[in-house]
PDB file of N, CA and C in Angstrom:
ATOM      1  N   MET A   1      14.157  -7.379 -20.936  1.00  0.00           N
ATOM      2  CA  MET A   1      13.621  -6.110 -21.338  1.00  0.00           C
ATOM      3  C   MET A   1      13.057  -5.360 -20.141  1.00  0.00           C
ATOM      4  N   ILE A   2      12.349  -6.038 -19.265  1.00  0.00           N
ATOM      5  CA  ILE A   2      11.776  -5.376 -18.095  1.00  0.00           C
ATOM      6  C   ILE A   2      12.870  -4.772 -17.231  1.00  0.00           C
ATOM      7  N   ALA A   3      14.019  -5.426 -17.163  1.00  0.00           N
ATOM      8  CA  ALA A   3      15.139  -4.878 -16.399  1.00  0.00           C
ATOM      9  C   ALA A   3      15.614  -3.554 -17.001  1.00  0.00           C
ATOM     10  N   ALA A   4      15.481  -3.396 -18.310  1.00  0.00           N
ATOM     11  CA  ALA A   4      15.961  -2.192 -18.988  1.00  0.00           C
ATOM     12  C   ALA A   4      14.963  -1.037 -18.943  1.00  0.00           C
ATOM     13  N   ILE A   5      13.660  -1.324 -19.120  1.00  0.00           N
ATOM     14  CA  ILE A   5      12.682  -0.225 -19.210  1.00  0.00           C
ATOM     15  C   ILE A   5      11.592  -0.274 -18.152  1.00  0.00           C
ATOM     16  N   GLY A   6      11.597  -1.266 -17.281  1.00  0.00           N
ATOM     17  CA  GLY A   6      10.634  -1.332 -16.187  1.00  0.00           C
ATOM     18  C   GLY A   6       9.408  -2.167 -16.507  1.00  0.00           C
ATOM     19  N   GLN A   7       8.557  -2.286 -15.507  1.00  0.00           N
ATOM     20  CA  GLN A   7       7.328  -3.065 -15.632  1.00  0.00           C
ATOM     21  C   GLN A   7       6.316  -2.324 -16.506  1.00  0.00           C
ATOM     22  N   PRO A   8       5.597  -3.056 -17.351  1.00  0.00           N
ATOM     23  CA  PRO A   8       4.551  -2.419 -18.138  1.00  0.00           C
ATOM     24  C   PRO A   8       3.341  -2.076 -17.258  1.00  0.00           C
ATOM     25  N   ILE A   9       2.525  -1.154 -17.728  1.00  0.00           N
ATOM     26  CA  ILE A   9       1.278  -0.825 -17.041  1.00  0.00           C
ATOM     27  C   ILE A   9       0.364  -2.045 -17.051  1.00  0.00           C
ATOM     28  N   SER A  10       0.332  -2.728 -18.202  1.00  0.00           N
ATOM     29  CA  SER A  10      -0.418  -3.978 -18.312  1.00  0.00           C
ATOM     30  C   SER A  10       0.202  -4.830 -19.412  1.00  0.00           C
ATOM     31  N   SER A  11      -0.103  -6.113 -19.379  1.00  0.00           N
ATOM     32  CA  SER A  11       0.394  -7.024 -20.401  1.00  0.00           C
ATOM     33  C   SER A  11      -0.611  -8.140 -20.616  1.00  0.00           C
ATOM     34  N   SER A  12      -0.614  -8.683 -21.827  1.00  0.00           N
ATOM     35  CA  SER A  12      -1.470  -9.824 -22.129  1.00  0.00           C
ATOM     36  C   SER A  12      -0.767 -10.707 -23.153  1.00  0.00           C
ATOM     37  N   TYR A  13      -1.076 -11.993 -23.093  1.00  0.00           N
ATOM     38  CA  TYR A  13      -0.491 -12.971 -23.996  1.00  0.00           C
ATOM     39  C   TYR A  13      -1.598 -13.867 -24.537  1.00  0.00           C
ATOM     40  N   ALA A  14      -1.441 -14.286 -25.794  1.00  0.00           N
ATOM     41  CA  ALA A  14      -2.396 -15.188 -26.438  1.00  0.00           C
ATOM     42  C   ALA A  14      -1.627 -16.134 -27.346  1.00  0.00           C
ATOM     43  N   SER A  15      -2.221 -17.260 -27.657  1.00  0.00           N
ATOM     44  CA  SER A  15      -1.592 -18.223 -28.567  1.00  0.00           C
ATOM     45  C   SER A  15      -1.218 -17.545 -29.870  1.00  0.00           C
ATOM     46  N   SER A  16      -0.046 -17.886 -30.375  1.00  0.00           N
ATOM     47  CA  SER A  16       0.467 -17.255 -31.585  1.00  0.00           C
ATOM     48  C   SER A  16       0.150 -18.069 -32.820  1.00  0.00           C
ATOM     49  N   CYS A  17      -0.034 -17.373 -33.933  1.00  0.00           N
ATOM     50  CA  CYS A  17      -0.187 -18.057 -35.216  1.00  0.00           C
ATOM     51  C   CYS A  17       1.183 -18.250 -35.880  1.00  0.00           C
ATOM     52  N   MET A  18       2.257 -17.718 -35.236  1.00  0.00           N
ATOM     53  CA  MET A  18       3.615 -17.817 -35.804  1.00  0.00           C
ATOM     54  C   MET A  18       4.351 -19.070 -35.354  1.00  0.00           C
ATOM     55  N   GLY A  19       3.796 -19.803 -34.398  1.00  0.00           N
ATOM     56  CA  GLY A  19       4.472 -20.992 -33.905  1.00  0.00           C
ATOM     57  C   GLY A  19       3.827 -21.494 -32.638  1.00  0.00           C
ATOM     58  N   ASP A  20       4.568 -22.288 -31.880  1.00  0.00           N
ATOM     59  CA  ASP A  20       4.034 -22.904 -30.663  1.00  0.00           C
ATOM     60  C   ASP A  20       4.012 -21.958 -29.469  1.00  0.00           C
ATOM     61  N   GLY A  21       4.500 -20.747 -29.622  1.00  0.00           N
ATOM     62  CA  GLY A  21       4.588 -19.807 -28.516  1.00  0.00           C
ATOM     63  C   GLY A  21       3.372 -18.912 -28.378  1.00  0.00           C
ATOM     64  N   GLU A  22       3.597 -17.759 -27.753  1.00  0.00           N
ATOM     65  CA  GLU A  22       2.539 -16.801 -27.493  1.00  0.00           C
ATOM     66  C   GLU A  22       2.937 -15.418 -27.998  1.00  0.00           C
ATOM     67  N   ASP A  23       1.944 -14.667 -28.461  1.00  0.00           N
ATOM     68  CA  ASP A  23       2.142 -13.267 -28.811  1.00  0.00           C
ATOM     69  C   ASP A  23       1.844 -12.440 -27.571  1.00  0.00           C
ATOM     70  N   GLY A  24       2.683 -11.454 -27.318  1.00  0.00           N
ATOM     71  CA  GLY A  24       2.490 -10.610 -26.152  1.00  0.00           C
ATOM     72  C   GLY A  24       2.278  -9.164 -26.522  1.00  0.00           C
ATOM     73  N   GLU A  25       1.533  -8.465 -25.690  1.00  0.00           N
ATOM     74  CA  GLU A  25       1.309  -7.032 -25.818  1.00  0.00           C
ATOM     75  C   GLU A  25       1.597  -6.418 -24.458  1.00  0.00           C
ATOM     76  N   LEU A  26       2.662  -5.627 -24.375  1.00  0.00           N
ATOM     77  CA  LEU A  26       3.065  -4.986 -23.132  1.00  0.00           C
ATOM     78  C   LEU A  26       2.849  -3.483 -23.285  1.00  0.00           C
ATOM     79  N   ILE A  27       1.972  -2.937 -22.474  1.00  0.00           N
ATOM     80  CA  ILE A  27       1.593  -1.540 -22.609  1.00  0.00           C
ATOM     81  C   ILE A  27       2.345  -0.701 -21.580  1.00  0.00           C
ATOM     82  N   TYR A  28       3.057   0.300 -22.084  1.00  0.00           N
ATOM     83  CA  TYR A  28       3.789   1.272 -21.277  1.00  0.00           C
ATOM     84  C   TYR A  28       3.167   2.643 -21.510  1.00  0.00           C
ATOM     85  N   SER A  29       3.517   3.610 -20.692  1.00  0.00           N
ATOM     86  CA  SER A  29       3.039   4.969 -20.878  1.00  0.00           C
ATOM     87  C   SER A  29       3.670   5.548 -22.147  1.00  0.00           C
ATOM     88  N   GLY A  30       2.868   5.740 -23.184  1.00  0.00           N
ATOM     89  CA  GLY A  30       3.364   6.348 -24.412  1.00  0.00           C
ATOM     90  C   GLY A  30       3.743   5.390 -25.524  1.00  0.00           C
ATOM     91  N   PHE A  31       3.821   4.099 -25.257  1.00  0.00           N
ATOM     92  CA  PHE A  31       4.155   3.134 -26.311  1.00  0.00           C
ATOM     93  C   PHE A  31       3.716   1.726 -25.915  1.00  0.00           C
ATOM     94  N   THR A  32       3.629   0.848 -26.919  1.00  0.00           N
ATOM     95  CA  THR A  32       3.263  -0.555 -26.712  1.00  0.00           C
ATOM     96  C   THR A  32       4.329  -1.431 -27.348  1.00  0.00           C
ATOM     97  N   VAL A  33       4.717  -2.492 -26.648  1.00  0.00           N
ATOM     98  CA  VAL A  33       5.717  -3.435 -27.132  1.00  0.00           C
ATOM     99  C   VAL A  33       5.010  -4.748 -27.474  1.00  0.00           C
ATOM    100  N   TYR A  34       5.220  -5.223 -28.695  1.00  0.00           N
ATOM    101  CA  TYR A  34       4.653  -6.496 -29.137  1.00  0.00           C
ATOM    102  C   TYR A  34       5.770  -7.531 -29.177  1.00  0.00           C
ATOM    103  N   THR A  35       5.521  -8.700 -28.587  1.00  0.00           N
ATOM    104  CA  THR A  35       6.558  -9.725 -28.467  1.00  0.00           C
ATOM    105  C   THR A  35       6.048 -11.084 -28.926  1.00  0.00           C
ATOM    106  N   TYR A  36       7.015 -11.977 -29.077  1.00  0.00           N
ATOM    107  CA  TYR A  36       6.725 -13.396 -29.291  1.00  0.00           C
ATOM    108  C   TYR A  36       7.578 -14.151 -28.285  1.00  0.00           C
ATOM    109  N   ARG A  37       6.952 -15.056 -27.521  1.00  0.00           N
ATOM    110  CA  ARG A  37       7.728 -15.848 -26.567  1.00  0.00           C
ATOM    111  C   ARG A  37       7.406 -17.328 -26.717  1.00  0.00           C
ATOM    112  N   ASP A  38       8.478 -18.123 -26.531  1.00  0.00           N
ATOM    113  CA  ASP A  38       8.351 -19.575 -26.529  1.00  0.00           C
ATOM    114  C   ASP A  38       9.348 -20.121 -25.518  1.00  0.00           C
ATOM    115  N   ALA A  39       9.626 -21.403 -25.572  1.00  0.00           N
ATOM    116  CA  ALA A  39      10.509 -22.036 -24.598  1.00  0.00           C
ATOM    117  C   ALA A  39      11.928 -21.466 -24.613  1.00  0.00           C
ATOM    118  N   SER A  40      12.341 -20.871 -25.726  1.00  0.00           N
ATOM    119  CA  SER A  40      13.697 -20.334 -25.825  1.00  0.00           C
ATOM    120  C   SER A  40      13.797 -18.885 -25.335  1.00  0.00           C
ATOM    121  N   GLY A  41      12.664 -18.221 -25.068  1.00  0.00           N
ATOM    122  CA  GLY A  41      12.692 -16.856 -24.563  1.00  0.00           C
ATOM    123  C   GLY A  41      11.676 -15.965 -25.235  1.00  0.00           C
ATOM    124  N   GLU A  42      11.841 -14.653 -25.013  1.00  0.00           N
ATOM    125  CA  GLU A  42      10.897 -13.669 -25.545  1.00  0.00           C
ATOM    126  C   GLU A  42      11.638 -12.691 -26.449  1.00  0.00           C
ATOM    127  N   VAL A  43      11.050 -12.419 -27.620  1.00  0.00           N
ATOM    128  CA  VAL A  43      11.683 -11.561 -28.626  1.00  0.00           C
ATOM    129  C   VAL A  43      10.735 -10.401 -28.945  1.00  0.00           C
ATOM    130  N   VAL A  44      11.252  -9.182 -28.971  1.00  0.00           N
ATOM    131  CA  VAL A  44      10.461  -8.017 -29.356  1.00  0.00           C
ATOM    132  C   VAL A  44      10.222  -8.065 -30.866  1.00  0.00           C
ATOM    133  N   GLN A  45       8.969  -7.940 -31.255  1.00  0.00           N
ATOM    134  CA  GLN A  45       8.592  -7.944 -32.667  1.00  0.00           C
ATOM    135  C   GLN A  45       8.376  -6.536 -33.197  1.00  0.00           C
ATOM    136  N   ASP A  46       7.840  -5.652 -32.335  1.00  0.00           N
ATOM    137  CA  ASP A  46       7.532  -4.293 -32.779  1.00  0.00           C
ATOM    138  C   ASP A  46       7.329  -3.405 -31.560  1.00  0.00           C
ATOM    139  N   VAL A  47       7.535  -2.111 -31.752  1.00  0.00           N
ATOM    140  CA  VAL A  47       7.262  -1.103 -30.733  1.00  0.00           C
ATOM    141  C   VAL A  47       6.502   0.018 -31.423  1.00  0.00           C
ATOM    142  N   ILE A  48       5.355   0.343 -30.889  1.00  0.00           N
ATOM    143  CA  ILE A  48       4.520   1.392 -31.490  1.00  0.00           C
ATOM    144  C   ILE A  48       4.182   2.414 -30.417  1.00  0.00           C
TER     145      ILE A  48
END
């Protein structure tokens, strides 16, 4: 994803309640991307 839209202004990750992975929040100018990542990779959950 970063290759497609660039580096976020900031990002943070915390333990997820959805599984063994982490929930991510990547903040861009004008929108925020919410992700879930684990050993198999990172998946976009929502964009607001």
